[in-house]
Protein backbone atom coordinates (compact mmCIF):
# COMPACT_ATOMS: atom_id res chain seq x y z
CA MET A 1 0.01 0.07 0.37
CA ARG A 2 1.16 3.32 -0.61
CA ASN A 3 1.97 6.11 1.41
CA LEU A 4 -0.72 8.68 1.15
CA ILE A 5 0.86 12.40 1.59
CA ALA A 6 -2.25 15.07 2.35
CA PHE A 7 -1.90 18.75 1.66
CA ASN A 8 -2.47 18.74 5.38
CA ASP A 9 -1.17 16.52 7.91
CA ASN A 10 -4.14 16.95 10.20
CA TYR A 11 -6.34 14.60 9.01
CA SER A 12 -8.06 11.51 9.79
CA ASP A 13 -9.19 8.42 7.43
CA ASN A 14 -12.60 7.19 7.72
CA SER A 15 -12.56 4.84 5.02
CA THR A 16 -14.51 1.58 5.35
CA GLU A 17 -15.01 -1.59 3.13
CA ALA A 18 -17.87 0.17 1.86
CA GLY A 19 -16.53 2.83 0.73
CA PHE A 20 -14.39 6.61 1.15
CA GLU A 21 -14.33 9.33 3.44
CA PHE A 22 -11.69 11.53 5.35
CA THR A 23 -11.79 14.69 7.58
CA PHE A 24 -9.29 17.29 7.25
CA TYR A 25 -8.82 19.53 10.54
CA CYS A 26 -7.88 23.55 11.02
CA ASP A 27 -4.39 23.83 12.73
CA ILE A 28 -5.87 26.21 15.40
CA CYS A 29 -9.06 25.52 16.33
CA HIS A 30 -9.13 21.88 15.31
CA GLU A 31 -12.85 21.64 13.67
CA GLY A 32 -12.79 19.41 10.91
CA TYR A 33 -14.15 19.16 7.68
CA ARG A 34 -15.71 15.96 6.37
CA THR A 35 -15.73 14.99 2.93
CA ARG A 36 -18.44 13.49 0.93
CA PHE A 37 -18.53 9.54 1.21
CA ILE A 38 -17.49 7.92 -1.98
CA PRO A 39 -18.58 4.67 -2.28
CA SER A 40 -16.50 1.14 -2.93
CA LYS A 41 -16.92 -0.35 -6.20
CA THR A 42 -15.54 -3.49 -5.13
CA TYR A 43 -17.45 -3.99 -1.88
CA LYS A 44 -18.73 -7.30 -0.98
CA LYS A 45 -16.85 -8.92 -4.34
CA LYS A 46 -15.37 -12.67 -3.63
CA GLY A 47 -12.33 -12.65 -2.09
CA PHE A 48 -12.15 -8.47 -1.58
CA PHE A 49 -11.83 -8.78 2.09
CA ASP A 50 -10.40 -11.60 4.76
CA ASN A 51 -10.28 -9.42 8.07
CA ILE A 52 -13.77 -7.74 8.13
CA GLY A 53 -13.88 -7.72 12.14
CA ARG A 54 -10.78 -6.55 13.19
CA VAL A 55 -10.06 -3.79 10.52
CA ALA A 56 -13.85 -2.47 11.00
CA SER A 57 -13.16 -2.45 15.11
CA ILE A 58 -9.33 -0.36 13.83
CA ALA A 59 -11.94 2.13 11.65
CA GLY A 60 -14.09 2.80 14.60
CA GLN A 61 -11.60 3.23 17.41
CA LEU A 62 -10.10 5.81 14.48
CA SER A 63 -12.89 7.32 12.77
CA GLY A 64 -13.28 11.15 13.96
CA GLN A 65 -10.47 11.53 16.26
CA TYR A 66 -8.49 14.62 16.19
CA ASN A 67 -4.81 14.50 14.53
CA ILE A 68 -5.28 10.74 13.56
CA GLY A 69 -4.08 10.39 9.79
CA TYR A 70 -1.14 8.52 8.23
CA ALA A 71 1.40 11.02 9.76
CA GLY A 72 -0.67 10.75 13.53
CA GLU A 73 1.66 9.88 15.81
CA ARG A 74 0.42 6.55 17.16
CA GLY A 75 -1.12 5.92 13.69
CA GLY A 76 1.93 3.97 12.72
CA ASP A 77 1.86 -0.27 13.58
CA MET A 78 -1.98 0.15 13.12
CA LEU A 79 -2.65 2.12 9.96
CA SER A 80 -0.19 0.09 8.52
CA SER A 81 -2.36 -2.92 8.58
CA ARG A 82 -5.60 -0.84 8.89
CA PHE A 83 -6.33 -2.12 5.64
CA ASP A 84 -4.58 -5.33 5.39
CA GLY A 85 -6.17 -8.16 3.36
CA MET A 86 -7.95 -5.39 0.97
CA SER A 87 -8.05 -6.48 -2.95
CA PRO A 88 -5.13 -3.69 -5.35
CA ALA A 89 -8.15 -2.98 -7.02
CA TRP A 90 -9.57 -1.03 -3.58
CA HIS A 91 -6.32 -0.12 -2.64
CA LYS A 92 -6.47 1.72 -6.77
CA GLU A 93 -10.13 3.40 -5.59
CA HIS A 94 -8.78 4.28 -1.77
CA GLU A 95 -6.03 6.46 -3.36
CA ALA A 96 -8.15 8.00 -6.15
CA ALA A 97 -10.73 8.82 -3.47
CA PHE A 98 -7.85 10.56 -1.30
CA GLU A 99 -6.93 12.82 -3.94
CA LEU A 100 -10.75 13.89 -4.99
CA ALA A 101 -11.28 13.98 -0.95
CA GLN A 102 -8.07 16.75 -1.00
CA ASN A 103 -9.04 18.88 -3.79
CA GLU A 104 -12.68 19.17 -2.27
CA ALA A 105 -11.25 20.13 1.41
CA ARG A 106 -8.36 22.49 -0.28
CA GLY A 107 -10.90 24.90 -0.97
CA ARG A 108 -12.40 25.55 2.59
CA PHE A 109 -8.84 26.05 4.04
CA HIS A 110 -6.18 28.30 3.84
CA ARG A 111 -2.17 28.32 4.14
CA CYS A 112 -0.49 31.20 6.02
CA PRO A 113 2.26 31.61 4.10
CA ARG A 114 3.73 33.11 7.63
CA CYS A 115 3.57 29.57 9.75
CA GLY A 116 2.33 27.57 6.70
CA LYS A 117 -0.91 26.60 8.68
CA TRP A 118 -3.75 25.29 7.34
CA VAL A 119 -6.36 27.04 8.60
CA CYS A 120 -10.75 27.07 8.20
CA GLY A 121 -12.66 30.28 7.46
CA ASN A 122 -13.25 31.21 11.05
CA ASP A 123 -9.22 31.75 11.89
CA TRP A 124 -8.20 33.17 8.54
CA ASN A 125 -7.83 37.00 8.17
CA GLU A 126 -9.29 38.32 4.75
CA GLU A 127 -7.31 41.74 4.99
CA ALA A 128 -3.83 40.78 6.30
CA SER A 129 -3.81 37.52 4.20
CA LEU A 130 -2.59 35.78 7.60
CA CYS A 131 -4.13 33.36 10.42
CA VAL A 132 -5.35 35.00 13.17
CA ASP A 133 -2.38 33.70 15.01
CA ASP A 134 0.21 36.02 12.90
CA ALA A 135 -2.62 38.51 12.45
CA PRO A 136 -5.67 39.08 14.85
CA ARG A 137 -8.70 40.77 13.56
CA GLU A 138 -8.60 44.16 14.60
CA SER A 139 -12.16 44.70 15.10
CA VAL A 140 -11.85 41.71 17.29
CA GLU A 141 -9.16 42.42 19.53
CA ILE A 142 -10.73 46.06 20.18
CA ALA A 143 -14.02 44.23 20.91
CA ALA A 144 -11.86 41.78 23.40
CA ALA A 145 -9.87 44.76 25.03
CA ARG A 146 -13.11 47.37 25.23
CA ALA A 147 -14.76 44.10 27.16
CA ASP A 148 -12.26 43.14 29.22
CA LYS A 149 -11.73 47.65 30.34
CA MET A 150 -15.22 47.58 30.98
CA LYS A 151 -14.98 44.53 33.17
CA GLU A 152 -12.11 46.28 35.12
CA ASP A 153 -13.62 49.68 35.50
CA ILE A 154 -17.06 47.47 36.88
CA TRP A 155 -14.80 45.87 39.82
CA GLU A 156 -12.77 49.12 40.57
CA ARG A 157 -15.85 51.03 41.03
CA SER A 158 -17.08 48.24 43.35
CA ARG A 159 -14.06 48.00 45.24
CA ASN A 160 -14.11 51.88 45.75
CA THR A 161 -17.76 52.12 46.66
CA GLN A 162 -19.23 52.02 50.30
CA VAL A 163 -21.64 49.79 50.94
CA PHE A 164 -24.91 50.75 53.15
CA THR A 165 -24.51 48.13 56.23
CA GLY A 166 -28.19 49.71 58.13
CA GLU A 167 -26.46 50.77 60.79
CA ILE A 168 -27.99 54.17 61.00
CA ASP A 169 -29.68 55.21 63.80
CA GLN A 170 -33.38 56.01 62.74
CA ARG A 171 -34.82 56.88 66.18
CA GLN A 172 -38.48 58.29 65.99
CA ALA A 173 -39.43 60.06 69.29
CA MET A 174 -42.77 61.07 70.22
CA CYS A 175 -43.61 64.71 71.10
CA PRO A 176 -43.89 65.43 74.94
CA ASN A 177 -46.98 67.73 73.62
CA CYS A 178 -49.16 66.49 71.38
CA GLY A 179 -48.05 62.74 71.54
CA LYS A 180 -47.36 62.21 67.94
CA PRO A 181 -44.62 61.19 66.14
CA ALA A 182 -42.15 64.18 65.94
CA GLY A 183 -39.68 63.10 63.27
CA GLN A 184 -35.65 63.76 63.65
CA GLY A 185 -35.87 66.93 64.01
CA LYS A 186 -35.48 69.65 66.61
CA PHE A 187 -39.05 70.50 66.63
CA CYS A 188 -42.41 68.31 66.33
CA ASN A 189 -43.47 67.94 62.70
CA ASN A 190 -46.91 68.45 63.63
CA CYS A 191 -47.44 70.78 66.47
CA GLY A 192 -43.92 72.42 66.47
CA SER A 193 -43.02 71.93 70.34
CA PRO A 194 -39.50 71.17 70.94
CA THR A 195 -38.27 67.70 70.57
CA SER A 196 -35.26 67.74 72.33
CA PRO A 197 -35.06 65.85 75.56
CA PRO A 198 -36.32 68.12 78.50
CA LYS A 199 -33.57 69.46 81.32
CA CYS A 200 -33.95 69.88 84.66
CA GLN A 201 -33.52 73.26 85.85
CA GLN A 202 -32.47 72.38 88.96
CA CYS A 203 -29.79 69.97 88.57
CA GLY A 204 -29.45 70.23 84.63
CA ALA A 205 -30.35 66.36 84.14
CA GLU A 206 -31.69 65.41 80.65
CA ASN A 207 -35.16 63.53 81.10
CA PRO A 208 -37.37 61.29 78.75
CA PRO A 209 -39.89 63.61 76.71
CA GLY A 210 -43.13 63.31 78.55
CA ALA A 211 -42.06 63.44 82.14
CA ARG A 212 -43.44 65.34 84.73
CA PHE A 213 -40.80 64.82 87.30
CA CYS A 214 -36.91 64.90 87.13
CA SER A 215 -35.78 61.24 87.18
CA GLU A 216 -32.40 62.50 89.08
CA CYS A 217 -33.26 64.86 91.76
CA GLY A 218 -37.20 64.56 91.90
CA ASP A 219 -37.88 68.34 90.73
CA ARG A 220 -40.93 69.66 88.91
CA LEU A 221 -39.78 69.49 85.28
CA ARG A 222 -41.12 73.07 83.67
């Protein structure tokens, strides 16, 4: 069996005894493009395949995995024997199908002239004709930088904001004259009488609003 040489080493061979299919992967995001299925003309012919169980099992393990192709690191022994037992006619079909698959997939990828990566349209900067690793899209970077700065500003303002803890005295005094809530000012909101605690003229002690006699000396409050 000849070694298949792909335009992009990031591919997997999903072919089975029934036909041929390949998946090529982007070198940056690793998203794959699976080529159309090409049925084998020699499928199920007498003497075509004498090891279906083992090859089908190996194909199931490898199908759809990233970076598993003839250039895959773990593919040496398994891939060399993956299609053992296939007829020469099947291998000829396989090679022809691989060439068609490459032509189909090549139109979905771009080769970066700076780093040599094959990338999909999502990772290709059309304006610079380079991959986004070598030439990030300006609008994307500006939007990302603006979002990062906005988050930093929000957290900074949050750290510098004094948070209300509820530890504020909201005592509501009763007016000693009219007996209604007087508010928090020095004079009653209802009748205008002073709301400050009455002081004893004899000893100077402060007494609760409405008291008629001093709680310290017993003198009559005026």
